[in-house]
Structure formats: C-alpha cells, structure tokens
Amino acid sequence: MPHRSVGRTALAAAAVVLLGAGCTAHPAGAEPRASAATATETAAATTPPAAPSVTESTSPPAPTPTPTPSAGGEETERPSAPPAETSSAPPEPPASSAHPTPAASRPAAPPPMLREGAQGPKVRELQARLRQAGHFDLNPTGYYGPVTTASVSAFQRRRGLPAGGQVTEATWSALTALTKAPTRTELYPPTTRPISDPDPRCLTGRALCISKESRTLAWMVDGKVVSAMDVRFGSELTPTREGEFGVTFKSRDHHSTLYDTPMPYAMFFSGGQAVHYSADFAANGYNGASHGCVNVRDKGKIAALFEQVGVGEKVIVY
C-alpha cells in the first residue's frame, strides 16, 4: 500500500510538470513568445502612428487638422495633407462664374457720336434738329460749344436719357425720330440768331426791318424776307434810336468826320445814324458797339442791299 500510494503521487506530479511544459514549450534556442494581448498592447505603445498617405489629387484640400486623443491621453495634431502642387504658368480662368466680373457683364460703352469741341456739317444738322425740337434758340453754326451742350442735356432729360450733354447713339436715334431732315435754309440760315417775328409795319411795302431783340436786319418786300443779316447797335451811351424812319440819303464810300471812321455802303435814316458795313463788327463781333449806327458785318450782303434800297424806303427799328 505504501509503495502504491507513493507511485500514484509520483505519477500525478509528473503529469502536472508535463502539462505546464506544454503551455510554454518552444524550440530550443527560441525566445519565449508573448501572448496575443501582450503583443498588441506592446505594438500600440511602441509603434509610432503611420504617416498619412500623400497622393496627388484634384479633390479639395483637407480640412484644418483637429486634435485627437492619443493612446496616452494627450492631445496630438493629425498631419494635414500637403498643399497642392503649384505651377509657374498663369491659372486658367474659370469656365463659368455665378458672379461675372463687371468687364464681362458690362461691355464698355461706345464713344459718343458728337461732343463739345466738335464742328462740321453733322454738328450743324444736330443744331437744326434741336431747334426743331425746341431746344436750340440760335441758328446752326456748325460748332459744338457750351450752348449746344446745354441744349443736348435739356433734350436728354426730356426724353429720359442720361443727361451728359454728349450725343450718344440713343440720343441721336431719339432726336431723328422726333424731327425731320433740315432744309438747306435751316442748315445755313442768313443770320446767327433766328429772325424775330416782323413788326406789323414791316408787312406792307418795302422796308428795312431791324430787330434789337434778335439783332437782325431783314429786307422785306410785301411781307416776305428777301435777305437778312446780323447787325449790332449803339451802346447805352450812344443808343440806336427806335421807331419808323425813311432812308434820307446813301453814300457808298462814306467816311465819318465826327469819329474819323470809314462807313462803307451807308444808308442814313435818322440824323447821323445809318445802316453801314463795319470792319470792327466783322473782326470782333458783339464784343463792341457802334456810336448809334446799325452795323452790318457781312460786306457782300450789305453791298447787295445797298443796290436794292432806294431813298425814301421805310426803316423800322424795334
């Protein structure tokens, strides 16, 4: 009994030793392997996080890095994707845009057809048409000055157009639609200012009809204008007398003894006052004045008138 008991005890002890050796057995010379759980934790603790993959892509850039907790509980920053490659070539414009640039949506306006400083037949036509429309009080001159600019602006305001005083295509279209093609007389009138409505005394017979308002002389026969010309008058100190007179005498090459001034083609109507050609008026325009006479600046017109008017013809100054 004692030997059998000892033998069982020895067998049990040997079995325990063999079982333990089976769980940890490994080839000779090899290091013991750690358990799966131990290996995983060790790798997590010792292996650095893998670097993010860097690939060329046309996708939008990654959002701003956000901190993420690491295994140790500390906040670390995730690496962001590298910036997109750049090129030295200029960028191509976008195919389309929700908000096009002003240059794309608003093409440059064409230059005006006429503006201040212009001159010529087109300006003359513009002025004649503006006169028809009631926006130009003078006769056409062919020069686009401040008066024409103001007239164009007035027309533009009336028609609801931008009132810049320059003739645009829209302005010209509106004006030509409202007016008719000017006649030659409208384009090339005989006087700078339109002739005033004649005084009733000028409507019968033959009369030199002289208007201080329009500064014009109209030679009228039976109520019709035969010729017309610009005139100027005396100053406040030596005014031209108004009323109804008659031609008293004529002098083709008259010379004033009072003022020592030539008075060609003089036709006297009231004392020493006469209608005559004035070189000063031709040179300086309305910047000067006469000593009471009626000055004419167009020598050809006054020369022709001198041949037609006889002594005794009516002279009406109003």
C-alpha atoms as a PDB file:
ATOM      1  CA  MET A   1       0.000   0.000   0.000  1.00  0.00           C
ATOM      2  CA  PRO A   2       2.637   2.476   0.857  1.00  0.00           C
ATOM      3  CA  HIS A   3       4.508   1.734  -2.399  1.00  0.00           C
ATOM      4  CA  ARG A   4       1.318   2.025  -4.493  1.00  0.00           C
ATOM      5  CA  SER A   5       0.490   5.340  -2.816  1.00  0.00           C
ATOM      6  CA  VAL A   6       3.939   6.695  -3.475  1.00  0.00           C
ATOM      7  CA  GLY A   7       3.765   5.600  -7.076  1.00  0.00           C
ATOM      8  CA  ARG A   8       0.433   7.411  -7.639  1.00  0.00           C
ATOM      9  CA  THR A   9       1.790  10.537  -6.084  1.00  0.00           C
ATOM     10  CA  ALA A  10       4.818  10.442  -8.380  1.00  0.00           C
ATOM     11  CA  LEU A  11       2.658   9.949 -11.447  1.00  0.00           C
ATOM     12  CA  ALA A  12       0.428  12.864 -10.525  1.00  0.00           C
ATOM     13  CA  ALA A  13       3.432  15.124 -10.050  1.00  0.00           C
ATOM     14  CA  ALA A  14       4.857  14.079 -13.409  1.00  0.00           C
ATOM     15  CA  ALA A  15       1.573  14.853 -15.164  1.00  0.00           C
ATOM     16  CA  VAL A  16       1.446  18.365 -13.695  1.00  0.00           C
ATOM     17  CA  VAL A  17       5.004  19.033 -14.895  1.00  0.00           C
ATOM     18  CA  LEU A  18       4.168  17.841 -18.416  1.00  0.00           C
ATOM     19  CA  LEU A  19       1.008  19.971 -18.653  1.00  0.00           C
ATOM     20  CA  GLY A  20       2.887  23.117 -17.619  1.00  0.00           C
ATOM     21  CA  ALA A  21       5.634  22.443 -20.073  1.00  0.00           C
ATOM     22  CA  GLY A  22       3.072  22.009 -22.911  1.00  0.00           C
ATOM     23  CA  CYS A  23       1.692  25.581 -22.466  1.00  0.00           C
ATOM     24  CA  THR A  24       5.112  27.206 -22.635  1.00  0.00           C
ATOM     25  CA  ALA A  25       7.087  24.825 -24.753  1.00  0.00           C
ATOM     26  CA  HIS A  26       9.094  26.281 -27.673  1.00  0.00           C
ATOM     27  CA  PRO A  27      12.032  25.181 -29.782  1.00  0.00           C
ATOM     28  CA  ALA A  28      15.416  25.184 -28.214  1.00  0.00           C
ATOM     29  CA  GLY A  29      17.217  28.460 -28.577  1.00  0.00           C
ATOM     30  CA  ALA A  30      13.995  30.416 -29.364  1.00  0.00           C
ATOM     31  CA  GLU A  31      12.790  33.160 -27.152  1.00  0.00           C
ATOM     32  CA  PRO A  32       9.508  32.756 -25.427  1.00  0.00           C
ATOM     33  CA  ARG A  33       6.540  34.351 -27.317  1.00  0.00           C
ATOM     34  CA  ALA A  34       4.301  36.789 -25.640  1.00  0.00           C
ATOM     35  CA  SER A  35       0.566  36.296 -25.641  1.00  0.00           C
ATOM     36  CA  ALA A  36      -1.626  37.946 -28.338  1.00  0.00           C
ATOM     37  CA  ALA A  37      -2.956  40.567 -25.980  1.00  0.00           C
ATOM     38  CA  THR A  38       0.523  41.414 -24.724  1.00  0.00           C
ATOM     39  CA  ALA A  39       1.864  41.738 -28.265  1.00  0.00           C
ATOM     40  CA  THR A  40      -0.987  44.032 -29.361  1.00  0.00           C
ATOM     41  CA  GLU A  41      -0.575  46.410 -26.450  1.00  0.00           C
ATOM     42  CA  THR A  42       3.195  46.487 -26.924  1.00  0.00           C
ATOM     43  CA  ALA A  43       2.787  47.394 -30.595  1.00  0.00           C
ATOM     44  CA  ALA A  44       0.340  50.144 -29.758  1.00  0.00           C
ATOM     45  CA  ALA A  45       2.689  51.576 -27.177  1.00  0.00           C
ATOM     46  CA  THR A  46       5.947  51.392 -29.116  1.00  0.00           C
ATOM     47  CA  THR A  47       4.995  51.697 -32.799  1.00  0.00           C
ATOM     48  CA  PRO A  48       4.619  55.343 -33.991  1.00  0.00           C
ATOM     49  CA  PRO A  49       1.416  56.190 -35.845  1.00  0.00           C
ATOM     50  CA  ALA A  50       1.619  55.583 -39.559  1.00  0.00           C
ATOM     51  CA  ALA A  51       2.308  58.642 -41.739  1.00  0.00           C
ATOM     52  CA  PRO A  52      -0.656  59.733 -43.831  1.00  0.00           C
ATOM     53  CA  SER A  53      -0.643  58.733 -47.456  1.00  0.00           C
ATOM     54  CA  VAL A  54       0.380  61.565 -49.805  1.00  0.00           C
ATOM     55  CA  THR A  55      -1.156  61.351 -53.279  1.00  0.00           C
ATOM     56  CA  GLU A  56      -1.784  63.931 -55.974  1.00  0.00           C
ATOM     57  CA  SER A  57      -5.467  64.660 -56.133  1.00  0.00           C
ATOM     58  CA  THR A  58      -7.756  67.246 -57.578  1.00  0.00           C
ATOM     59  CA  SER A  59     -10.099  66.924 -54.621  1.00  0.00           C
ATOM     60  CA  PRO A  60     -10.480  69.921 -52.319  1.00  0.00           C
ATOM     61  CA  PRO A  61      -7.785  70.399 -49.633  1.00  0.00           C
ATOM     62  CA  ALA A  62      -8.265  68.555 -46.336  1.00  0.00           C
ATOM     63  CA  PRO A  63      -9.955  70.478 -43.563  1.00  0.00           C
ATOM     64  CA  THR A  64      -7.936  72.133 -40.850  1.00  0.00           C
ATOM     65  CA  PRO A  65      -6.316  69.483 -38.567  1.00  0.00           C
ATOM     66  CA  THR A  66      -8.256  68.745 -35.405  1.00  0.00           C
ATOM     67  CA  PRO A  67      -6.631  67.418 -32.232  1.00  0.00           C
ATOM     68  CA  THR A  68      -7.328  63.718 -31.426  1.00  0.00           C
ATOM     69  CA  PRO A  69      -6.518  61.906 -28.227  1.00  0.00           C
ATOM     70  CA  SER A  70      -3.531  59.528 -28.378  1.00  0.00           C
ATOM     71  CA  ALA A  71      -3.111  56.274 -26.539  1.00  0.00           C
ATOM     72  CA  GLY A  72      -1.539  58.132 -23.649  1.00  0.00           C
ATOM     73  CA  GLY A  73      -4.472  60.558 -23.384  1.00  0.00           C
ATOM     74  CA  GLU A  74      -2.534  63.591 -24.683  1.00  0.00           C
ATOM     75  CA  GLU A  75      -3.876  65.823 -27.484  1.00  0.00           C
ATOM     76  CA  THR A  76      -1.903  65.407 -30.702  1.00  0.00           C
ATOM     77  CA  GLU A  77      -2.388  67.081 -34.079  1.00  0.00           C
ATOM     78  CA  ARG A  78      -3.132  64.938 -37.070  1.00  0.00           C
ATOM     79  CA  PRO A  79      -0.893  65.819 -40.008  1.00  0.00           C
ATOM     80  CA  SER A  80      -2.816  67.568 -42.780  1.00  0.00           C
ATOM     81  CA  ALA A  81      -2.485  66.763 -46.440  1.00  0.00           C
ATOM     82  CA  PRO A  82       0.384  68.583 -48.201  1.00  0.00           C
ATOM     83  CA  PRO A  83      -0.543  71.662 -50.271  1.00  0.00           C
ATOM     84  CA  ALA A  84      -1.424  71.123 -53.890  1.00  0.00           C
ATOM     85  CA  GLU A  85       1.379  71.461 -56.373  1.00  0.00           C
ATOM     86  CA  THR A  86       1.707  74.885 -57.971  1.00  0.00           C
ATOM     87  CA  SER A  87       2.811  75.784 -61.449  1.00  0.00           C
ATOM     88  CA  SER A  88       4.587  78.816 -62.861  1.00  0.00           C
ATOM     89  CA  ALA A  89       2.036  79.034 -65.667  1.00  0.00           C
ATOM     90  CA  PRO A  90      -0.808  81.569 -65.096  1.00  0.00           C
ATOM     91  CA  PRO A  91      -4.029  79.998 -63.851  1.00  0.00           C
ATOM     92  CA  GLU A  92      -6.745  79.440 -66.402  1.00  0.00           C
ATOM     93  CA  PRO A  93      -9.922  81.491 -65.889  1.00  0.00           C
ATOM     94  CA  PRO A  94     -12.915  79.567 -64.576  1.00  0.00           C
ATOM     95  CA  ALA A  95     -15.300  78.217 -67.147  1.00  0.00           C
ATOM     96  CA  SER A  96     -18.228  79.982 -65.561  1.00  0.00           C
ATOM     97  CA  SER A  97     -18.995  82.074 -62.536  1.00  0.00           C
ATOM     98  CA  ALA A  98     -22.110  82.840 -60.584  1.00  0.00           C
ATOM     99  CA  HIS A  99     -20.964  86.462 -60.312  1.00  0.00           C
ATOM    100  CA  PRO A 100     -19.287  87.563 -63.570  1.00  0.00           C
ATOM    101  CA  THR A 101     -16.881  90.435 -63.458  1.00  0.00           C
ATOM    102  CA  PRO A 102     -18.144  93.901 -64.496  1.00  0.00           C
ATOM    103  CA  ALA A 103     -16.000  93.731 -67.634  1.00  0.00           C
ATOM    104  CA  ALA A 104     -17.751  90.544 -68.708  1.00  0.00           C
ATOM    105  CA  SER A 105     -21.281  91.651 -67.872  1.00  0.00           C
ATOM    106  CA  ARG A 106     -20.987  95.359 -68.784  1.00  0.00           C
ATOM    107  CA  PRO A 107     -19.092  95.950 -72.017  1.00  0.00           C
ATOM    108  CA  ALA A 108     -17.541  99.368 -72.450  1.00  0.00           C
ATOM    109  CA  ALA A 109     -19.958 101.947 -73.815  1.00  0.00           C
ATOM    110  CA  PRO A 110     -19.204 103.117 -77.360  1.00  0.00           C
ATOM    111  CA  PRO A 111     -17.735 106.612 -77.661  1.00  0.00           C
ATOM    112  CA  PRO A 112     -20.231 109.428 -78.237  1.00  0.00           C
ATOM    113  CA  MET A 113     -21.033 110.405 -81.795  1.00  0.00           C
ATOM    114  CA  LEU A 114     -20.593 114.118 -81.052  1.00  0.00           C
ATOM    115  CA  ARG A 115     -19.311 116.069 -78.067  1.00  0.00           C
ATOM    116  CA  GLU A 116     -18.259 119.583 -77.124  1.00  0.00           C
ATOM    117  CA  GLY A 117     -15.467 120.849 -79.368  1.00  0.00           C
ATOM    118  CA  ALA A 118     -16.692 119.057 -82.489  1.00  0.00           C
ATOM    119  CA  GLN A 119     -17.502 121.030 -85.611  1.00  0.00           C
ATOM    120  CA  GLY A 120     -18.740 120.410 -89.111  1.00  0.00           C
ATOM    121  CA  PRO A 121     -21.888 119.528 -91.076  1.00  0.00           C
ATOM    122  CA  LYS A 122     -23.025 116.894 -88.555  1.00  0.00           C
ATOM    123  CA  VAL A 123     -22.983 119.460 -85.759  1.00  0.00           C
ATOM    124  CA  ARG A 124     -24.939 121.845 -87.959  1.00  0.00           C
ATOM    125  CA  GLU A 125     -27.574 119.159 -88.535  1.00  0.00           C
ATOM    126  CA  LEU A 126     -27.684 118.437 -84.796  1.00  0.00           C
ATOM    127  CA  GLN A 127     -28.319 122.107 -84.023  1.00  0.00           C
ATOM    128  CA  ALA A 128     -31.003 122.383 -86.703  1.00  0.00           C
ATOM    129  CA  ARG A 129     -32.807 119.329 -85.334  1.00  0.00           C
ATOM    130  CA  LEU A 130     -32.520 120.604 -81.757  1.00  0.00           C
ATOM    131  CA  ARG A 131     -34.044 123.871 -82.946  1.00  0.00           C
ATOM    132  CA  GLN A 132     -36.963 121.951 -84.464  1.00  0.00           C
ATOM    133  CA  ALA A 133     -37.406 120.153 -81.131  1.00  0.00           C
ATOM    134  CA  GLY A 134     -37.440 123.477 -79.267  1.00  0.00           C
ATOM    135  CA  HIS A 135     -34.078 123.079 -77.508  1.00  0.00           C
ATOM    136  CA  PHE A 136     -31.796 125.410 -79.509  1.00  0.00           C
ATOM    137  CA  ASP A 137     -32.569 129.126 -79.652  1.00  0.00           C
ATOM    138  CA  LEU A 138     -29.833 130.069 -82.114  1.00  0.00           C
ATOM    139  CA  ASN A 139     -29.336 129.301 -85.774  1.00  0.00           C
ATOM    140  CA  PRO A 140     -26.889 126.498 -86.595  1.00  0.00           C
ATOM    141  CA  THR A 141     -23.243 127.492 -86.536  1.00  0.00           C
ATOM    142  CA  GLY A 142     -21.567 124.104 -87.056  1.00  0.00           C
ATOM    143  CA  TYR A 143     -19.623 124.412 -83.782  1.00  0.00           C
ATOM    144  CA  TYR A 144     -20.411 122.266 -80.715  1.00  0.00           C
ATOM    145  CA  GLY A 145     -19.937 124.707 -77.835  1.00  0.00           C
ATOM    146  CA  PRO A 146     -21.398 125.144 -74.320  1.00  0.00           C
ATOM    147  CA  VAL A 147     -24.753 126.313 -75.700  1.00  0.00           C
ATOM    148  CA  THR A 148     -25.105 123.141 -77.774  1.00  0.00           C
ATOM    149  CA  THR A 149     -24.037 121.010 -74.798  1.00  0.00           C
ATOM    150  CA  ALA A 150     -26.757 122.576 -72.639  1.00  0.00           C
ATOM    151  CA  SER A 151     -29.323 122.066 -75.408  1.00  0.00           C
ATOM    152  CA  VAL A 152     -28.417 118.374 -75.779  1.00  0.00           C
ATOM    153  CA  SER A 153     -28.663 117.892 -71.994  1.00  0.00           C
ATOM    154  CA  ALA A 154     -32.118 119.505 -71.953  1.00  0.00           C
ATOM    155  CA  PHE A 155     -33.293 117.204 -74.747  1.00  0.00           C
ATOM    156  CA  GLN A 156     -31.877 114.133 -72.975  1.00  0.00           C
ATOM    157  CA  ARG A 157     -33.627 114.997 -69.717  1.00  0.00           C
ATOM    158  CA  ARG A 158     -36.901 115.492 -71.549  1.00  0.00           C
ATOM    159  CA  ARG A 159     -36.601 112.082 -73.228  1.00  0.00           C
ATOM    160  CA  GLY A 160     -35.487 110.265 -70.060  1.00  0.00           C
ATOM    161  CA  LEU A 161     -31.927 109.669 -71.289  1.00  0.00           C
ATOM    162  CA  PRO A 162     -28.672 110.145 -69.332  1.00  0.00           C
ATOM    163  CA  ALA A 163     -28.145 113.909 -69.491  1.00  0.00           C
ATOM    164  CA  GLY A 164     -24.409 114.044 -70.160  1.00  0.00           C
ATOM    165  CA  GLY A 165     -24.572 116.675 -72.901  1.00  0.00           C
ATOM    166  CA  GLN A 166     -22.899 114.347 -75.421  1.00  0.00           C
ATOM    167  CA  VAL A 167     -24.681 112.871 -78.420  1.00  0.00           C
ATOM    168  CA  THR A 168     -24.842 109.084 -77.974  1.00  0.00           C
ATOM    169  CA  GLU A 169     -26.438 106.687 -80.421  1.00  0.00           C
ATOM    170  CA  ALA A 170     -29.560 106.575 -78.247  1.00  0.00           C
ATOM    171  CA  THR A 171     -29.749 110.387 -78.183  1.00  0.00           C
ATOM    172  CA  TRP A 172     -29.333 110.662 -81.954  1.00  0.00           C
ATOM    173  CA  SER A 173     -31.968 107.986 -82.582  1.00  0.00           C
ATOM    174  CA  ALA A 174     -34.462 109.767 -80.323  1.00  0.00           C
ATOM    175  CA  LEU A 175     -33.757 113.146 -81.941  1.00  0.00           C
ATOM    176  CA  THR A 176     -34.040 111.931 -85.536  1.00  0.00           C
ATOM    177  CA  ALA A 177     -37.273 110.098 -84.705  1.00  0.00           C
ATOM    178  CA  LEU A 178     -38.756 113.331 -83.352  1.00  0.00           C
ATOM    179  CA  THR A 179     -37.575 115.705 -86.118  1.00  0.00           C
ATOM    180  CA  LYS A 180     -37.315 115.866 -89.891  1.00  0.00           C
ATOM    181  CA  ALA A 181     -34.309 116.314 -92.130  1.00  0.00           C
ATOM    182  CA  PRO A 182     -33.368 120.030 -92.057  1.00  0.00           C
ATOM    183  CA  THR A 183     -33.653 122.076 -95.239  1.00  0.00           C
ATOM    184  CA  ARG A 184     -30.679 123.983 -96.581  1.00  0.00           C
ATOM    185  CA  THR A 185     -32.137 127.223 -95.285  1.00  0.00           C
ATOM    186  CA  GLU A 186     -32.427 125.660 -91.818  1.00  0.00           C
ATOM    187  CA  LEU A 187     -28.863 124.382 -92.019  1.00  0.00           C
ATOM    188  CA  TYR A 188     -27.377 127.618 -93.397  1.00  0.00           C
ATOM    189  CA  PRO A 189     -29.570 130.478 -92.188  1.00  0.00           C
ATOM    190  CA  PRO A 190     -28.568 134.014 -93.118  1.00  0.00           C
ATOM    191  CA  THR A 191     -28.204 135.170 -89.508  1.00  0.00           C
ATOM    192  CA  THR A 192     -26.665 133.857 -86.313  1.00  0.00           C
ATOM    193  CA  ARG A 193     -29.912 134.289 -84.417  1.00  0.00           C
ATOM    194  CA  PRO A 194     -33.340 133.438 -85.804  1.00  0.00           C
ATOM    195  CA  ILE A 195     -35.135 136.419 -87.253  1.00  0.00           C
ATOM    196  CA  SER A 196     -37.771 137.785 -84.904  1.00  0.00           C
ATOM    197  CA  ASP A 197     -41.385 137.952 -85.911  1.00  0.00           C
ATOM    198  CA  PRO A 198     -41.558 141.113 -88.013  1.00  0.00           C
ATOM    199  CA  ASP A 199     -43.104 144.270 -86.718  1.00  0.00           C
ATOM    200  CA  PRO A 200     -46.548 144.830 -88.335  1.00  0.00           C
ATOM    201  CA  ARG A 201     -45.184 147.961 -90.021  1.00  0.00           C
ATOM    202  CA  CYS A 202     -42.769 145.729 -91.950  1.00  0.00           C
ATOM    203  CA  LEU A 203     -45.503 143.620 -93.557  1.00  0.00           C
ATOM    204  CA  THR A 204     -46.512 146.084 -96.234  1.00  0.00           C
ATOM    205  CA  GLY A 205     -44.438 147.670 -98.977  1.00  0.00           C
ATOM    206  CA  ARG A 206     -40.640 147.693 -98.895  1.00  0.00           C
ATOM    207  CA  ALA A 207     -38.916 148.021 -95.546  1.00  0.00           C
ATOM    208  CA  LEU A 208     -35.659 147.556 -93.725  1.00  0.00           C
ATOM    209  CA  CYS A 209     -36.974 145.650 -90.690  1.00  0.00           C
ATOM    210  CA  ILE A 210     -34.385 145.908 -87.876  1.00  0.00           C
ATOM    211  CA  SER A 211     -34.905 143.933 -84.623  1.00  0.00           C
ATOM    212  CA  LYS A 212     -32.905 144.735 -81.499  1.00  0.00           C
ATOM    213  CA  GLU A 213     -34.164 141.537 -79.869  1.00  0.00           C
ATOM    214  CA  SER A 214     -32.762 139.138 -82.460  1.00  0.00           C
ATOM    215  CA  ARG A 215     -30.051 141.569 -83.626  1.00  0.00           C
ATOM    216  CA  THR A 216     -31.025 141.069 -87.247  1.00  0.00           C
ATOM    217  CA  LEU A 217     -31.922 143.151 -90.288  1.00  0.00           C
ATOM    218  CA  ALA A 218     -34.448 141.737 -92.745  1.00  0.00           C
ATOM    219  CA  TRP A 219     -35.050 143.357 -96.126  1.00  0.00           C
ATOM    220  CA  MET A 220     -38.749 142.723 -96.696  1.00  0.00           C
ATOM    221  CA  VAL A 221     -40.920 143.254 -99.738  1.00  0.00           C
ATOM    222  CA  ASP A 222     -44.683 142.850 -99.306  1.00  0.00           C
ATOM    223  CA  GLY A 223     -44.260 140.868 -96.107  1.00  0.00           C
ATOM    224  CA  LYS A 224     -41.643 138.428 -97.465  1.00  0.00           C
ATOM    225  CA  VAL A 225     -37.998 138.295 -96.428  1.00  0.00           C
ATOM    226  CA  VAL A 226     -35.727 138.914 -99.405  1.00  0.00           C
ATOM    227  CA  SER A 227     -32.440 138.902 -97.470  1.00  0.00           C
ATOM    228  CA  ALA A 228     -31.311 139.013 -93.836  1.00  0.00           C
ATOM    229  CA  MET A 229     -28.090 139.712 -91.949  1.00  0.00           C
ATOM    230  CA  ASP A 230     -26.597 140.119 -88.461  1.00  0.00           C
ATOM    231  CA  VAL A 231     -26.396 143.626 -87.031  1.00  0.00           C
ATOM    232  CA  ARG A 232     -25.269 145.351 -83.863  1.00  0.00           C
ATOM    233  CA  PHE A 233     -26.305 148.644 -82.285  1.00  0.00           C
ATOM    234  CA  GLY A 234     -25.056 151.571 -80.259  1.00  0.00           C
ATOM    235  CA  SER A 235     -24.044 151.321 -76.610  1.00  0.00           C
ATOM    236  CA  GLU A 236     -26.043 152.665 -73.670  1.00  0.00           C
ATOM    237  CA  LEU A 237     -24.241 155.993 -74.034  1.00  0.00           C
ATOM    238  CA  THR A 238     -24.979 156.250 -77.769  1.00  0.00           C
ATOM    239  CA  PRO A 239     -28.141 154.166 -78.324  1.00  0.00           C
ATOM    240  CA  THR A 240     -29.683 153.472 -81.686  1.00  0.00           C
ATOM    241  CA  ARG A 241     -32.993 155.271 -81.974  1.00  0.00           C
ATOM    242  CA  GLU A 242     -36.152 153.213 -82.350  1.00  0.00           C
ATOM    243  CA  GLY A 243     -39.194 153.957 -84.478  1.00  0.00           C
ATOM    244  CA  GLU A 244     -40.255 154.318 -88.090  1.00  0.00           C
ATOM    245  CA  PHE A 245     -37.928 156.252 -90.378  1.00  0.00           C
ATOM    246  CA  GLY A 246     -37.060 156.565 -94.046  1.00  0.00           C
ATOM    247  CA  VAL A 247     -33.764 156.451 -95.935  1.00  0.00           C
ATOM    248  CA  THR A 248     -32.660 160.072 -96.315  1.00  0.00           C
ATOM    249  CA  PHE A 249     -29.516 159.606 -98.397  1.00  0.00           C
ATOM    250  CA  LYS A 250     -26.957 156.957 -99.398  1.00  0.00           C
ATOM    251  CA  SER A 251     -23.141 157.082 -99.514  1.00  0.00           C
ATOM    252  CA  ARG A 252     -21.175 154.131-100.914  1.00  0.00           C
ATOM    253  CA  ASP A 253     -17.748 155.143 -99.573  1.00  0.00           C
ATOM    254  CA  HIS A 254     -18.730 157.335 -96.667  1.00  0.00           C
ATOM    255  CA  HIS A 255     -16.191 158.358 -94.032  1.00  0.00           C
ATOM    256  CA  SER A 256     -17.298 159.728 -90.649  1.00  0.00           C
ATOM    257  CA  THR A 257     -15.813 163.136 -89.961  1.00  0.00           C
ATOM    258  CA  LEU A 258     -17.087 163.014 -86.364  1.00  0.00           C
ATOM    259  CA  TYR A 259     -15.378 159.718 -85.450  1.00  0.00           C
ATOM    260  CA  ASP A 260     -12.841 159.541 -88.314  1.00  0.00           C
ATOM    261  CA  THR A 261     -14.139 156.085 -89.203  1.00  0.00           C
ATOM    262  CA  PRO A 262     -14.984 154.583 -92.601  1.00  0.00           C
ATOM    263  CA  MET A 263     -18.703 153.796 -93.117  1.00  0.00           C
ATOM    264  CA  PRO A 264     -18.980 151.909 -96.463  1.00  0.00           C
ATOM    265  CA  TYR A 265     -22.406 151.415 -98.023  1.00  0.00           C
ATOM    266  CA  ALA A 266     -24.018 153.884 -95.617  1.00  0.00           C
ATOM    267  CA  MET A 267     -27.792 154.389 -95.766  1.00  0.00           C
ATOM    268  CA  PHE A 268     -28.766 157.210 -93.384  1.00  0.00           C
ATOM    269  CA  PHE A 269     -32.197 157.146 -91.741  1.00  0.00           C
ATOM    270  CA  SER A 270     -32.085 159.377 -88.605  1.00  0.00           C
ATOM    271  CA  GLY A 271     -29.701 162.307 -88.499  1.00  0.00           C
ATOM    272  CA  GLY A 272     -26.182 160.900 -88.372  1.00  0.00           C
ATOM    273  CA  GLN A 273     -27.331 157.313 -87.755  1.00  0.00           C
ATOM    274  CA  ALA A 274     -27.100 154.943 -90.703  1.00  0.00           C
ATOM    275  CA  VAL A 275     -27.036 151.299 -91.712  1.00  0.00           C
ATOM    276  CA  HIS A 276     -23.473 150.505 -92.949  1.00  0.00           C
ATOM    277  CA  TYR A 277     -20.693 147.929 -93.110  1.00  0.00           C
ATOM    278  CA  SER A 278     -18.369 147.730 -90.059  1.00  0.00           C
ATOM    279  CA  ALA A 279     -14.922 146.137 -90.257  1.00  0.00           C
ATOM    280  CA  ASP A 280     -14.758 146.179 -86.463  1.00  0.00           C
ATOM    281  CA  PHE A 281     -18.007 144.215 -86.207  1.00  0.00           C
ATOM    282  CA  ALA A 282     -16.637 141.703 -88.744  1.00  0.00           C
ATOM    283  CA  ALA A 283     -13.456 141.277 -86.689  1.00  0.00           C
ATOM    284  CA  ASN A 284     -14.730 141.433 -83.099  1.00  0.00           C
ATOM    285  CA  GLY A 285     -18.394 140.514 -83.298  1.00  0.00           C
ATOM    286  CA  TYR A 286     -20.627 141.580 -80.451  1.00  0.00           C
ATOM    287  CA  ASN A 287     -17.707 142.417 -78.164  1.00  0.00           C
ATOM    288  CA  GLY A 288     -18.005 146.009 -79.319  1.00  0.00           C
ATOM    289  CA  ALA A 289     -20.751 148.506 -80.169  1.00  0.00           C
ATOM    290  CA  SER A 290     -21.414 151.311 -82.597  1.00  0.00           C
ATOM    291  CA  HIS A 291     -21.867 155.038 -81.926  1.00  0.00           C
ATOM    292  CA  GLY A 292     -25.555 154.680 -82.689  1.00  0.00           C
ATOM    293  CA  CYS A 293     -25.478 153.317 -86.241  1.00  0.00           C
ATOM    294  CA  VAL A 294     -26.678 149.881 -87.319  1.00  0.00           C
ATOM    295  CA  ASN A 295     -23.513 147.905 -88.108  1.00  0.00           C
ATOM    296  CA  VAL A 296     -23.500 145.040 -90.623  1.00  0.00           C
ATOM    297  CA  ARG A 297     -20.588 142.554 -90.647  1.00  0.00           C
ATOM    298  CA  ASP A 298     -21.254 140.754 -93.935  1.00  0.00           C
ATOM    299  CA  LYS A 299     -19.782 143.018 -96.588  1.00  0.00           C
ATOM    300  CA  GLY A 300     -21.223 141.091 -99.506  1.00  0.00           C
ATOM    301  CA  LYS A 301     -24.768 141.261 -98.157  1.00  0.00           C
ATOM    302  CA  ILE A 302     -24.693 144.952 -97.325  1.00  0.00           C
ATOM    303  CA  ALA A 303     -23.211 145.714-100.762  1.00  0.00           C
ATOM    304  CA  ALA A 304     -26.084 143.856-102.442  1.00  0.00           C
ATOM    305  CA  LEU A 305     -28.637 145.532-100.175  1.00  0.00           C
ATOM    306  CA  PHE A 306     -27.189 148.956-100.960  1.00  0.00           C
ATOM    307  CA  GLU A 307     -28.043 148.399-104.629  1.00  0.00           C
ATOM    308  CA  GLN A 308     -31.655 147.400-103.885  1.00  0.00           C
ATOM    309  CA  VAL A 309     -32.720 150.010-101.314  1.00  0.00           C
ATOM    310  CA  GLY A 310     -33.693 153.416-102.579  1.00  0.00           C
ATOM    311  CA  VAL A 311     -34.031 156.769-100.869  1.00  0.00           C
ATOM    312  CA  GLY A 312     -37.371 157.016 -99.120  1.00  0.00           C
ATOM    313  CA  GLU A 313     -37.672 153.288 -98.326  1.00  0.00           C
ATOM    314  CA  LYS A 314     -39.063 152.512 -94.861  1.00  0.00           C
ATOM    315  CA  VAL A 315     -36.686 151.784 -91.968  1.00  0.00           C
ATOM    316  CA  ILE A 316     -38.330 150.176 -88.919  1.00  0.00           C
ATOM    317  CA  VAL A 317     -36.198 149.837 -85.761  1.00  0.00           C
ATOM    318  CA  TYR A 318     -37.888 147.991 -82.899  1.00  0.00           C
END
